[in-house]
Amino acid sequence: MNTPQPPFFDRRRRVGWAALVCVCVAVVGFATEGKECVWAAAAMRIGFVLGALWLCFPTKTRPAAWAVLTQGRLVAIVIGALFWSRIKYALPFLAIAGIVLWFIRPRGKRG
């Protein structure tokens, strides 16, 4: 039961084909059933998500898009995504904190 995992390049190719098939199914569904076709809408969304994943997978010339993602950056992205709608309320507090930190920063010796 130890089947080897396919390399990333094979996975990338499979995800690309699945995305293309989903988008084609969506186009056919919209063409035959109209704009209210639920299955075509679902296939379109899945195809777009798989297409985005296909773009993130590594190629032979570049690493994966998530290769440079550290834990700190991941935490910052998650916090930013959670509080993006409330950022306009936090901007004055962030500006005040930035000004205070600028004034209390350690300064080099003069002269």
PDB file of N, CA and C in Angstrom:
ATOM      1  N   MET A   1       0.793  -1.192   0.000  1.00  0.00           N
ATOM      2  CA  MET A   1       0.000   0.000   0.000  1.00  0.00           C
ATOM      3  C   MET A   1       0.843   1.267   0.000  1.00  0.00           C
ATOM      4  N   ASN A   2       2.114   1.152  -0.211  1.00  0.00           N
ATOM      5  CA  ASN A   2       2.991   2.311  -0.269  1.00  0.00           C
ATOM      6  C   ASN A   2       3.120   2.778  -1.710  1.00  0.00           C
ATOM      7  N   THR A   3       2.159   3.548  -2.148  1.00  0.00           N
ATOM      8  CA  THR A   3       2.238   4.094  -3.505  1.00  0.00           C
ATOM      9  C   THR A   3       2.993   5.405  -3.462  1.00  0.00           C
ATOM     10  N   PRO A   4       3.927   5.601  -4.366  1.00  0.00           N
ATOM     11  CA  PRO A   4       4.702   6.848  -4.346  1.00  0.00           C
ATOM     12  C   PRO A   4       3.824   8.034  -4.745  1.00  0.00           C
ATOM     13  N   GLN A   5       4.087   9.148  -4.101  1.00  0.00           N
ATOM     14  CA  GLN A   5       3.356  10.372  -4.428  1.00  0.00           C
ATOM     15  C   GLN A   5       3.886  10.937  -5.748  1.00  0.00           C
ATOM     16  N   PRO A   6       3.001  11.432  -6.609  1.00  0.00           N
ATOM     17  CA  PRO A   6       3.491  12.020  -7.861  1.00  0.00           C
ATOM     18  C   PRO A   6       4.221  13.326  -7.574  1.00  0.00           C
ATOM     19  N   PRO A   7       5.218  13.652  -8.379  1.00  0.00           N
ATOM     20  CA  PRO A   7       5.935  14.915  -8.156  1.00  0.00           C
ATOM     21  C   PRO A   7       5.015  16.109  -8.383  1.00  0.00           C
ATOM     22  N   PHE A   8       5.489  17.279  -7.938  1.00  0.00           N
ATOM     23  CA  PHE A   8       4.676  18.485  -8.035  1.00  0.00           C
ATOM     24  C   PHE A   8       4.310  18.816  -9.482  1.00  0.00           C
ATOM     25  N   PHE A   9       5.171  18.479 -10.417  1.00  0.00           N
ATOM     26  CA  PHE A   9       4.889  18.824 -11.813  1.00  0.00           C
ATOM     27  C   PHE A   9       3.693  18.032 -12.339  1.00  0.00           C
ATOM     28  N   ASP A  10       3.592  16.757 -11.927  1.00  0.00           N
ATOM     29  CA  ASP A  10       2.427  15.967 -12.327  1.00  0.00           C
ATOM     30  C   ASP A  10       1.164  16.478 -11.648  1.00  0.00           C
ATOM     31  N   ARG A  11       1.276  16.863 -10.384  1.00  0.00           N
ATOM     32  CA  ARG A  11       0.118  17.420  -9.687  1.00  0.00           C
ATOM     33  C   ARG A  11      -0.323  18.719 -10.347  1.00  0.00           C
ATOM     34  N   ARG A  12       0.637  19.534 -10.729  1.00  0.00           N
ATOM     35  CA  ARG A  12       0.306  20.806 -11.382  1.00  0.00           C
ATOM     36  C   ARG A  12      -0.444  20.546 -12.688  1.00  0.00           C
ATOM     37  N   ARG A  13       0.014  19.584 -13.435  1.00  0.00           N
ATOM     38  CA  ARG A  13      -0.638  19.257 -14.706  1.00  0.00           C
ATOM     39  C   ARG A  13      -2.063  18.748 -14.462  1.00  0.00           C
ATOM     40  N   ARG A  14      -2.234  17.901 -13.453  1.00  0.00           N
ATOM     41  CA  ARG A  14      -3.571  17.371 -13.153  1.00  0.00           C
ATOM     42  C   ARG A  14      -4.521  18.480 -12.703  1.00  0.00           C
ATOM     43  N   VAL A  15      -4.038  19.375 -11.858  1.00  0.00           N
ATOM     44  CA  VAL A  15      -4.880  20.482 -11.390  1.00  0.00           C
ATOM     45  C   VAL A  15      -5.238  21.395 -12.552  1.00  0.00           C
ATOM     46  N   GLY A  16      -4.306  21.625 -13.449  1.00  0.00           N
ATOM     47  CA  GLY A  16      -4.596  22.455 -14.621  1.00  0.00           C
ATOM     48  C   GLY A  16      -5.667  21.849 -15.505  1.00  0.00           C
ATOM     49  N   TRP A  17      -5.573  20.561 -15.744  1.00  0.00           N
ATOM     50  CA  TRP A  17      -6.592  19.900 -16.565  1.00  0.00           C
ATOM     51  C   TRP A  17      -7.950  19.906 -15.873  1.00  0.00           C
ATOM     52  N   ALA A  18      -7.964  19.681 -14.572  1.00  0.00           N
ATOM     53  CA  ALA A  18      -9.235  19.702 -13.834  1.00  0.00           C
ATOM     54  C   ALA A  18      -9.866  21.090 -13.886  1.00  0.00           C
ATOM     55  N   ALA A  19      -9.043  22.133 -13.769  1.00  0.00           N
ATOM     56  CA  ALA A  19      -9.558  23.502 -13.864  1.00  0.00           C
ATOM     57  C   ALA A  19     -10.128  23.768 -15.242  1.00  0.00           C
ATOM     58  N   LEU A  20      -9.435  23.329 -16.267  1.00  0.00           N
ATOM     59  CA  LEU A  20      -9.906  23.535 -17.636  1.00  0.00           C
ATOM     60  C   LEU A  20     -11.214  22.788 -17.890  1.00  0.00           C
ATOM     61  N   VAL A  21     -11.314  21.575 -17.396  1.00  0.00           N
ATOM     62  CA  VAL A  21     -12.549  20.799 -17.571  1.00  0.00           C
ATOM     63  C   VAL A  21     -13.708  21.476 -16.839  1.00  0.00           C
ATOM     64  N   CYS A  22     -13.478  21.950 -15.624  1.00  0.00           N
ATOM     65  CA  CYS A  22     -14.545  22.614 -14.873  1.00  0.00           C
ATOM     66  C   CYS A  22     -15.024  23.880 -15.582  1.00  0.00           C
ATOM     67  N   VAL A  23     -14.111  24.661 -16.096  1.00  0.00           N
ATOM     68  CA  VAL A  23     -14.509  25.885 -16.799  1.00  0.00           C
ATOM     69  C   VAL A  23     -15.255  25.538 -18.088  1.00  0.00           C
ATOM     70  N   CYS A  24     -14.822  24.502 -18.791  1.00  0.00           N
ATOM     71  CA  CYS A  24     -15.532  24.085 -20.007  1.00  0.00           C
ATOM     72  C   CYS A  24     -16.937  23.580 -19.682  1.00  0.00           C
ATOM     73  N   VAL A  25     -17.074  22.820 -18.606  1.00  0.00           N
ATOM     74  CA  VAL A  25     -18.400  22.352 -18.179  1.00  0.00           C
ATOM     75  C   VAL A  25     -19.283  23.551 -17.842  1.00  0.00           C
ATOM     76  N   ALA A  26     -18.715  24.550 -17.193  1.00  0.00           N
ATOM     77  CA  ALA A  26     -19.479  25.746 -16.845  1.00  0.00           C
ATOM     78  C   ALA A  26     -19.935  26.497 -18.095  1.00  0.00           C
ATOM     79  N   VAL A  27     -19.059  26.624 -19.076  1.00  0.00           N
ATOM     80  CA  VAL A  27     -19.435  27.309 -20.314  1.00  0.00           C
ATOM     81  C   VAL A  27     -20.559  26.558 -21.023  1.00  0.00           C
ATOM     82  N   VAL A  28     -20.440  25.241 -21.100  1.00  0.00           N
ATOM     83  CA  VAL A  28     -21.494  24.439 -21.742  1.00  0.00           C
ATOM     84  C   VAL A  28     -22.795  24.542 -20.954  1.00  0.00           C
ATOM     85  N   GLY A  29     -22.711  24.497 -19.634  1.00  0.00           N
ATOM     86  CA  GLY A  29     -23.901  24.608 -18.799  1.00  0.00           C
ATOM     87  C   GLY A  29     -24.599  25.943 -18.958  1.00  0.00           C
ATOM     88  N   PHE A  30     -23.823  27.022 -18.992  1.00  0.00           N
ATOM     89  CA  PHE A  30     -24.424  28.337 -19.188  1.00  0.00           C
ATOM     90  C   PHE A  30     -25.019  28.476 -20.586  1.00  0.00           C
ATOM     91  N   ALA A  31     -24.375  27.858 -21.572  1.00  0.00           N
ATOM     92  CA  ALA A  31     -24.878  27.961 -22.947  1.00  0.00           C
ATOM     93  C   ALA A  31     -26.175  27.178 -23.136  1.00  0.00           C
ATOM     94  N   THR A  32     -26.310  26.056 -22.453  1.00  0.00           N
ATOM     95  CA  THR A  32     -27.498  25.227 -22.667  1.00  0.00           C
ATOM     96  C   THR A  32     -28.626  25.538 -21.685  1.00  0.00           C
ATOM     97  N   GLU A  33     -28.303  25.804 -20.442  1.00  0.00           N
ATOM     98  CA  GLU A  33     -29.332  25.979 -19.414  1.00  0.00           C
ATOM     99  C   GLU A  33     -29.655  27.434 -19.113  1.00  0.00           C
ATOM    100  N   GLY A  34     -28.781  28.333 -19.418  1.00  0.00           N
ATOM    101  CA  GLY A  34     -29.013  29.740 -19.103  1.00  0.00           C
ATOM    102  C   GLY A  34     -28.242  30.174 -17.870  1.00  0.00           C
ATOM    103  N   LYS A  35     -28.493  31.415 -17.476  1.00  0.00           N
ATOM    104  CA  LYS A  35     -27.731  31.991 -16.369  1.00  0.00           C
ATOM    105  C   LYS A  35     -28.134  31.468 -14.993  1.00  0.00           C
ATOM    106  N   GLU A  36     -29.255  30.803 -14.884  1.00  0.00           N
ATOM    107  CA  GLU A  36     -29.694  30.288 -13.594  1.00  0.00           C
ATOM    108  C   GLU A  36     -29.222  28.855 -13.328  1.00  0.00           C
ATOM    109  N   CYS A  37     -28.321  28.347 -14.098  1.00  0.00           N
ATOM    110  CA  CYS A  37     -27.842  26.972 -13.933  1.00  0.00           C
ATOM    111  C   CYS A  37     -26.899  26.907 -12.730  1.00  0.00           C
ATOM    112  N   VAL A  38     -27.330  26.217 -11.690  1.00  0.00           N
ATOM    113  CA  VAL A  38     -26.561  26.137 -10.452  1.00  0.00           C
ATOM    114  C   VAL A  38     -25.294  25.312 -10.642  1.00  0.00           C
ATOM    115  N   TRP A  39     -25.403  24.218 -11.390  1.00  0.00           N
ATOM    116  CA  TRP A  39     -24.237  23.355 -11.598  1.00  0.00           C
ATOM    117  C   TRP A  39     -23.152  24.067 -12.389  1.00  0.00           C
ATOM    118  N   ALA A  40     -23.548  24.866 -13.355  1.00  0.00           N
ATOM    119  CA  ALA A  40     -22.556  25.611 -14.130  1.00  0.00           C
ATOM    120  C   ALA A  40     -21.864  26.657 -13.265  1.00  0.00           C
ATOM    121  N   ALA A  41     -22.624  27.304 -12.385  1.00  0.00           N
ATOM    122  CA  ALA A  41     -22.029  28.291 -11.483  1.00  0.00           C
ATOM    123  C   ALA A  41     -21.035  27.628 -10.529  1.00  0.00           C
ATOM    124  N   ALA A  42     -21.403  26.465 -10.017  1.00  0.00           N
ATOM    125  CA  ALA A  42     -20.497  25.744  -9.116  1.00  0.00           C
ATOM    126  C   ALA A  42     -19.240  25.295  -9.859  1.00  0.00           C
ATOM    127  N   ALA A  43     -19.416  24.807 -11.075  1.00  0.00           N
ATOM    128  CA  ALA A  43     -18.255  24.380 -11.863  1.00  0.00           C
ATOM    129  C   ALA A  43     -17.349  25.569 -12.188  1.00  0.00           C
ATOM    130  N   MET A  44     -17.935  26.737 -12.438  1.00  0.00           N
ATOM    131  CA  MET A  44     -17.134  27.924 -12.724  1.00  0.00           C
ATOM    132  C   MET A  44     -16.311  28.327 -11.506  1.00  0.00           C
ATOM    133  N   ARG A  45     -16.926  28.320 -10.341  1.00  0.00           N
ATOM    134  CA  ARG A  45     -16.186  28.683  -9.127  1.00  0.00           C
ATOM    135  C   ARG A  45     -15.074  27.686  -8.837  1.00  0.00           C
ATOM    136  N   ILE A  46     -15.378  26.422  -8.947  1.00  0.00           N
ATOM    137  CA  ILE A  46     -14.360  25.401  -8.696  1.00  0.00           C
ATOM    138  C   ILE A  46     -13.230  25.516  -9.715  1.00  0.00           C
ATOM    139  N   GLY A  47     -13.577  25.776 -10.965  1.00  0.00           N
ATOM    140  CA  GLY A  47     -12.561  25.940 -11.995  1.00  0.00           C
ATOM    141  C   GLY A  47     -11.650  27.125 -11.726  1.00  0.00           C
ATOM    142  N   PHE A  48     -12.233  28.230 -11.250  1.00  0.00           N
ATOM    143  CA  PHE A  48     -11.406  29.403 -10.942  1.00  0.00           C
ATOM    144  C   PHE A  48     -10.479  29.143  -9.763  1.00  0.00           C
ATOM    145  N   VAL A  49     -10.979  28.466  -8.744  1.00  0.00           N
ATOM    146  CA  VAL A  49     -10.133  28.152  -7.585  1.00  0.00           C
ATOM    147  C   VAL A  49      -9.021  27.187  -7.979  1.00  0.00           C
ATOM    148  N   LEU A  50      -9.352  26.184  -8.765  1.00  0.00           N
ATOM    149  CA  LEU A  50      -8.311  25.256  -9.230  1.00  0.00           C
ATOM    150  C   LEU A  50      -7.309  25.956 -10.147  1.00  0.00           C
ATOM    151  N   GLY A  51      -7.781  26.907 -10.941  1.00  0.00           N
ATOM    152  CA  GLY A  51      -6.860  27.683 -11.784  1.00  0.00           C
ATOM    153  C   GLY A  51      -5.901  28.515 -10.954  1.00  0.00           C
ATOM    154  N   ALA A  52      -6.393  29.108  -9.869  1.00  0.00           N
ATOM    155  CA  ALA A  52      -5.510  29.854  -8.976  1.00  0.00           C
ATOM    156  C   ALA A  52      -4.496  28.929  -8.310  1.00  0.00           C
ATOM    157  N   LEU A  53      -4.942  27.749  -7.913  1.00  0.00           N
ATOM    158  CA  LEU A  53      -4.018  26.774  -7.337  1.00  0.00           C
ATOM    159  C   LEU A  53      -2.984  26.329  -8.363  1.00  0.00           C
ATOM    160  N   TRP A  54      -3.414  26.165  -9.604  1.00  0.00           N
ATOM    161  CA  TRP A  54      -2.495  25.784 -10.679  1.00  0.00           C
ATOM    162  C   TRP A  54      -1.405  26.833 -10.849  1.00  0.00           C
ATOM    163  N   LEU A  55      -1.770  28.108 -10.724  1.00  0.00           N
ATOM    164  CA  LEU A  55      -0.766  29.165 -10.839  1.00  0.00           C
ATOM    165  C   LEU A  55       0.227  29.145  -9.684  1.00  0.00           C
ATOM    166  N   CYS A  56      -0.191  28.669  -8.519  1.00  0.00           N
ATOM    167  CA  CYS A  56       0.679  28.657  -7.341  1.00  0.00           C
ATOM    168  C   CYS A  56       1.644  27.482  -7.310  1.00  0.00           C
ATOM    169  N   PHE A  57       1.323  26.414  -8.004  1.00  0.00           N
ATOM    170  CA  PHE A  57       2.200  25.244  -7.982  1.00  0.00           C
ATOM    171  C   PHE A  57       3.556  25.567  -8.624  1.00  0.00           C
ATOM    172  N   PRO A  58       4.612  24.891  -8.178  1.00  0.00           N
ATOM    173  CA  PRO A  58       5.939  25.171  -8.739  1.00  0.00           C
ATOM    174  C   PRO A  58       6.080  24.653 -10.170  1.00  0.00           C
ATOM    175  N   THR A  59       6.939  25.302 -10.909  1.00  0.00           N
ATOM    176  CA  THR A  59       7.301  24.832 -12.243  1.00  0.00           C
ATOM    177  C   THR A  59       8.755  24.389 -12.193  1.00  0.00           C
ATOM    178  N   LYS A  60       9.289  24.029 -13.341  1.00  0.00           N
ATOM    179  CA  LYS A  60      10.690  23.596 -13.369  1.00  0.00           C
ATOM    180  C   LYS A  60      11.646  24.761 -13.184  1.00  0.00           C
ATOM    181  N   THR A  61      11.189  25.988 -13.430  1.00  0.00           N
ATOM    182  CA  THR A  61      12.070  27.144 -13.352  1.00  0.00           C
ATOM    183  C   THR A  61      11.845  28.023 -12.138  1.00  0.00           C
ATOM    184  N   ARG A  62      10.718  27.864 -11.418  1.00  0.00           N
ATOM    185  CA  ARG A  62      10.472  28.692 -10.240  1.00  0.00           C
ATOM    186  C   ARG A  62       9.876  27.832  -9.127  1.00  0.00           C
ATOM    187  N   PRO A  63      10.150  28.228  -7.872  1.00  0.00           N
ATOM    188  CA  PRO A  63       9.595  27.455  -6.745  1.00  0.00           C
ATOM    189  C   PRO A  63       8.112  27.777  -6.552  1.00  0.00           C
ATOM    190  N   ALA A  64       7.513  27.090  -5.620  1.00  0.00           N
ATOM    191  CA  ALA A  64       6.099  27.307  -5.326  1.00  0.00           C
ATOM    192  C   ALA A  64       5.889  28.705  -4.764  1.00  0.00           C
ATOM    193  N   ALA A  65       4.688  29.217  -4.922  1.00  0.00           N
ATOM    194  CA  ALA A  65       4.380  30.562  -4.442  1.00  0.00           C
ATOM    195  C   ALA A  65       4.445  30.639  -2.923  1.00  0.00           C
ATOM    196  N   TRP A  66       4.198  29.534  -2.243  1.00  0.00           N
ATOM    197  CA  TRP A  66       4.207  29.538  -0.785  1.00  0.00           C
ATOM    198  C   TRP A  66       5.574  29.175  -0.216  1.00  0.00           C
ATOM    199  N   ALA A  67       6.597  29.065  -1.053  1.00  0.00           N
ATOM    200  CA  ALA A  67       7.921  28.666  -0.568  1.00  0.00           C
ATOM    201  C   ALA A  67       8.554  29.739   0.318  1.00  0.00           C
ATOM    202  N   VAL A  68       8.206  30.999   0.110  1.00  0.00           N
ATOM    203  CA  VAL A  68       8.788  32.084   0.896  1.00  0.00           C
ATOM    204  C   VAL A  68       7.898  32.493   2.058  1.00  0.00           C
ATOM    205  N   LEU A  69       6.814  31.760   2.289  1.00  0.00           N
ATOM    206  CA  LEU A  69       5.875  32.099   3.348  1.00  0.00           C
ATOM    207  C   LEU A  69       6.388  31.589   4.689  1.00  0.00           C
ATOM    208  N   THR A  70       6.672  32.518   5.603  1.00  0.00           N
ATOM    209  CA  THR A  70       7.113  32.150   6.941  1.00  0.00           C
ATOM    210  C   THR A  70       5.913  32.189   7.879  1.00  0.00           C
ATOM    211  N   GLN A  71       6.119  31.739   9.104  1.00  0.00           N
ATOM    212  CA  GLN A  71       5.014  31.737  10.065  1.00  0.00           C
ATOM    213  C   GLN A  71       4.576  33.157  10.392  1.00  0.00           C
ATOM    214  N   GLY A  72       5.512  34.069  10.493  1.00  0.00           N
ATOM    215  CA  GLY A  72       5.171  35.458  10.785  1.00  0.00           C
ATOM    216  C   GLY A  72       4.341  36.087   9.677  1.00  0.00           C
ATOM    217  N   ARG A  73       4.720  35.830   8.438  1.00  0.00           N
ATOM    218  CA  ARG A  73       3.949  36.364   7.308  1.00  0.00           C
ATOM    219  C   ARG A  73       2.562  35.738   7.249  1.00  0.00           C
ATOM    220  N   LEU A  74       2.472  34.450   7.558  1.00  0.00           N
ATOM    221  CA  LEU A  74       1.175  33.788   7.557  1.00  0.00           C
ATOM    222  C   LEU A  74       0.256  34.384   8.618  1.00  0.00           C
ATOM    223  N   VAL A  75       0.788  34.647   9.803  1.00  0.00           N
ATOM    224  CA  VAL A  75      -0.003  35.258  10.863  1.00  0.00           C
ATOM    225  C   VAL A  75      -0.447  36.653  10.445  1.00  0.00           C
ATOM    226  N   ALA A  76       0.445  37.422   9.836  1.00  0.00           N
ATOM    227  CA  ALA A  76       0.089  38.771   9.384  1.00  0.00           C
ATOM    228  C   ALA A  76      -0.996  38.724   8.310  1.00  0.00           C
ATOM    229  N   ILE A  77      -0.935  37.772   7.409  1.00  0.00           N
ATOM    230  CA  ILE A  77      -1.950  37.644   6.364  1.00  0.00           C
ATOM    231  C   ILE A  77      -3.301  37.271   6.954  1.00  0.00           C
ATOM    232  N   VAL A  78      -3.305  36.340   7.893  1.00  0.00           N
ATOM    233  CA  VAL A  78      -4.567  35.921   8.512  1.00  0.00           C
ATOM    234  C   VAL A  78      -5.182  37.071   9.310  1.00  0.00           C
ATOM    235  N   ILE A  79      -4.373  37.764  10.097  1.00  0.00           N
ATOM    236  CA  ILE A  79      -4.890  38.892  10.873  1.00  0.00           C
ATOM    237  C   ILE A  79      -5.374  39.997   9.934  1.00  0.00           C
ATOM    238  N   GLY A  80      -4.635  40.264   8.883  1.00  0.00           N
ATOM    239  CA  GLY A  80      -5.063  41.271   7.914  1.00  0.00           C
ATOM    240  C   GLY A  80      -6.366  40.904   7.233  1.00  0.00           C
ATOM    241  N   ALA A  81      -6.530  39.630   6.891  1.00  0.00           N
ATOM    242  CA  ALA A  81      -7.770  39.191   6.245  1.00  0.00           C
ATOM    243  C   ALA A  81      -8.954  39.275   7.203  1.00  0.00           C
ATOM    244  N   LEU A  82      -8.727  38.970   8.466  1.00  0.00           N
ATOM    245  CA  LEU A  82      -9.819  39.023   9.434  1.00  0.00           C
ATOM    246  C   LEU A  82     -10.252  40.447   9.753  1.00  0.00           C
ATOM    247  N   PHE A  83      -9.300  41.375   9.798  1.00  0.00           N
ATOM    248  CA  PHE A  83      -9.612  42.735  10.212  1.00  0.00           C
ATOM    249  C   PHE A  83      -9.613  43.742   9.067  1.00  0.00           C
ATOM    250  N   TRP A  84      -9.624  43.286   7.830  1.00  0.00           N
ATOM    251  CA  TRP A  84      -9.567  44.208   6.695  1.00  0.00           C
ATOM    252  C   TRP A  84     -10.774  45.141   6.659  1.00  0.00           C
ATOM    253  N   SER A  85     -11.959  44.636   6.997  1.00  0.00           N
ATOM    254  CA  SER A  85     -13.151  45.474   6.955  1.00  0.00           C
ATOM    255  C   SER A  85     -13.181  46.495   8.088  1.00  0.00           C
ATOM    256  N   ARG A  86     -12.432  46.242   9.139  1.00  0.00           N
ATOM    257  CA  ARG A  86     -12.421  47.151  10.291  1.00  0.00           C
ATOM    258  C   ARG A  86     -11.179  48.039  10.326  1.00  0.00           C
ATOM    259  N   ILE A  87     -10.375  48.010   9.288  1.00  0.00           N
ATOM    260  CA  ILE A  87      -9.107  48.740   9.314  1.00  0.00           C
ATOM    261  C   ILE A  87      -9.316  50.249   9.341  1.00  0.00           C
ATOM    262  N   LYS A  88     -10.419  50.743   8.769  1.00  0.00           N
ATOM    263  CA  LYS A  88     -10.632  52.194   8.759  1.00  0.00           C
ATOM    264  C   LYS A  88     -10.850  52.735  10.170  1.00  0.00           C
ATOM    265  N   TYR A  89     -11.343  51.892  11.076  1.00  0.00           N
ATOM    266  CA  TYR A  89     -11.509  52.324  12.460  1.00  0.00           C
ATOM    267  C   TYR A  89     -10.188  52.288  13.221  1.00  0.00           C
ATOM    268  N   ALA A  90      -9.272  51.449  12.795  1.00  0.00           N
ATOM    269  CA  ALA A  90      -8.007  51.300  13.498  1.00  0.00           C
ATOM    270  C   ALA A  90      -6.924  52.252  12.986  1.00  0.00           C
ATOM    271  N   LEU A  91      -7.117  52.868  11.835  1.00  0.00           N
ATOM    272  CA  LEU A  91      -6.085  53.737  11.266  1.00  0.00           C
ATOM    273  C   LEU A  91      -5.689  54.898  12.179  1.00  0.00           C
ATOM    274  N   PRO A  92      -6.617  55.601  12.837  1.00  0.00           N
ATOM    275  CA  PRO A  92      -6.167  56.671  13.745  1.00  0.00           C
ATOM    276  C   PRO A  92      -5.300  56.150  14.887  1.00  0.00           C
ATOM    277  N   PHE A  93      -5.664  54.992  15.442  1.00  0.00           N
ATOM    278  CA  PHE A  93      -4.862  54.428  16.523  1.00  0.00           C
ATOM    279  C   PHE A  93      -3.488  53.991  16.030  1.00  0.00           C
ATOM    280  N   LEU A  94      -3.437  53.435  14.830  1.00  0.00           N
ATOM    281  CA  LEU A  94      -2.148  53.046  14.258  1.00  0.00           C
ATOM    282  C   LEU A  94      -1.279  54.269  13.977  1.00  0.00           C
ATOM    283  N   ALA A  95      -1.890  55.347  13.510  1.00  0.00           N
ATOM    284  CA  ALA A  95      -1.130  56.570  13.248  1.00  0.00           C
ATOM    285  C   ALA A  95      -0.577  57.156  14.536  1.00  0.00           C
ATOM    286  N   ILE A  96      -1.384  57.191  15.583  1.00  0.00           N
ATOM    287  CA  ILE A  96      -0.917  57.702  16.875  1.00  0.00           C
ATOM    288  C   ILE A  96       0.199  56.820  17.423  1.00  0.00           C
ATOM    289  N   ALA A  97       0.050  55.499  17.312  1.00  0.00           N
ATOM    290  CA  ALA A  97       1.092  54.584  17.791  1.00  0.00           C
ATOM    291  C   ALA A  97       2.378  54.774  16.991  1.00  0.00           C
ATOM    292  N   GLY A  98       2.267  54.988  15.692  1.00  0.00           N
ATOM    293  CA  GLY A  98       3.455  55.230  14.875  1.00  0.00           C
ATOM    294  C   GLY A  98       4.166  56.507  15.260  1.00  0.00           C
ATOM    295  N   ILE A  99       3.414  57.569  15.534  1.00  0.00           N
ATOM    296  CA  ILE A  99       4.024  58.843  15.938  1.00  0.00           C
ATOM    297  C   ILE A  99       4.710  58.696  17.293  1.00  0.00           C
ATOM    298  N   VAL A 100       4.046  58.039  18.244  1.00  0.00           N
ATOM    299  CA  VAL A 100       4.637  57.831  19.571  1.00  0.00           C
ATOM    300  C   VAL A 100       5.904  56.995  19.464  1.00  0.00           C
ATOM    301  N   LEU A 101       5.871  55.928  18.676  1.00  0.00           N
ATOM    302  CA  LEU A 101       7.069  55.095  18.513  1.00  0.00           C
ATOM    303  C   LEU A 101       8.187  55.845  17.804  1.00  0.00           C
ATOM    304  N   TRP A 102       7.842  56.764  16.932  1.00  0.00           N
ATOM    305  CA  TRP A 102       8.871  57.543  16.238  1.00  0.00           C
ATOM    306  C   TRP A 102       9.573  58.480  17.213  1.00  0.00           C
ATOM    307  N   PHE A 103       8.805  59.044  18.147  1.00  0.00           N
ATOM    308  CA  PHE A 103       9.408  59.961  19.112  1.00  0.00           C
ATOM    309  C   PHE A 103      10.221  59.238  20.177  1.00  0.00           C
ATOM    310  N   ILE A 104       9.851  58.033  20.563  1.00  0.00           N
ATOM    311  CA  ILE A 104      10.570  57.347  21.637  1.00  0.00           C
ATOM    312  C   ILE A 104      11.638  56.388  21.125  1.00  0.00           C
ATOM    313  N   ARG A 105      11.895  56.386  19.829  1.00  0.00           N
ATOM    314  CA  ARG A 105      12.901  55.477  19.282  1.00  0.00           C
ATOM    315  C   ARG A 105      14.297  55.873  19.787  1.00  0.00           C
ATOM    316  N   PRO A 106      15.199  54.920  19.878  1.00  0.00           N
ATOM    317  CA  PRO A 106      16.564  55.269  20.298  1.00  0.00           C
ATOM    318  C   PRO A 106      17.272  56.021  19.170  1.00  0.00           C
ATOM    319  N   ARG A 107      17.936  57.058  19.563  1.00  0.00           N
ATOM    320  CA  ARG A 107      18.627  57.885  18.571  1.00  0.00           C
ATOM    321  C   ARG A 107      20.136  57.693  18.710  1.00  0.00           C
ATOM    322  N   GLY A 108      20.812  57.889  17.598  1.00  0.00           N
ATOM    323  CA  GLY A 108      22.265  57.776  17.609  1.00  0.00           C
ATOM    324  C   GLY A 108      22.896  58.980  18.290  1.00  0.00           C
ATOM    325  N   LYS A 109      24.163  58.877  18.632  1.00  0.00           N
ATOM    326  CA  LYS A 109      24.880  59.969  19.288  1.00  0.00           C
ATOM    327  C   LYS A 109      25.093  61.092  18.294  1.00  0.00           C
ATOM    328  N   ARG A 110      24.904  62.302  18.770  1.00  0.00           N
ATOM    329  CA  ARG A 110      25.132  63.473  17.917  1.00  0.00           C
ATOM    330  C   ARG A 110      26.511  64.031  18.219  1.00  0.00           C
ATOM    331  N   GLY A 111      27.187  64.360  17.135  1.00  0.00           N
ATOM    332  CA  GLY A 111      28.458  65.057  17.250  1.00  0.00           C
ATOM    333  C   GLY A 111      29.507  64.211  17.733  1.00  0.00           C
TER     334      GLY A 111
END
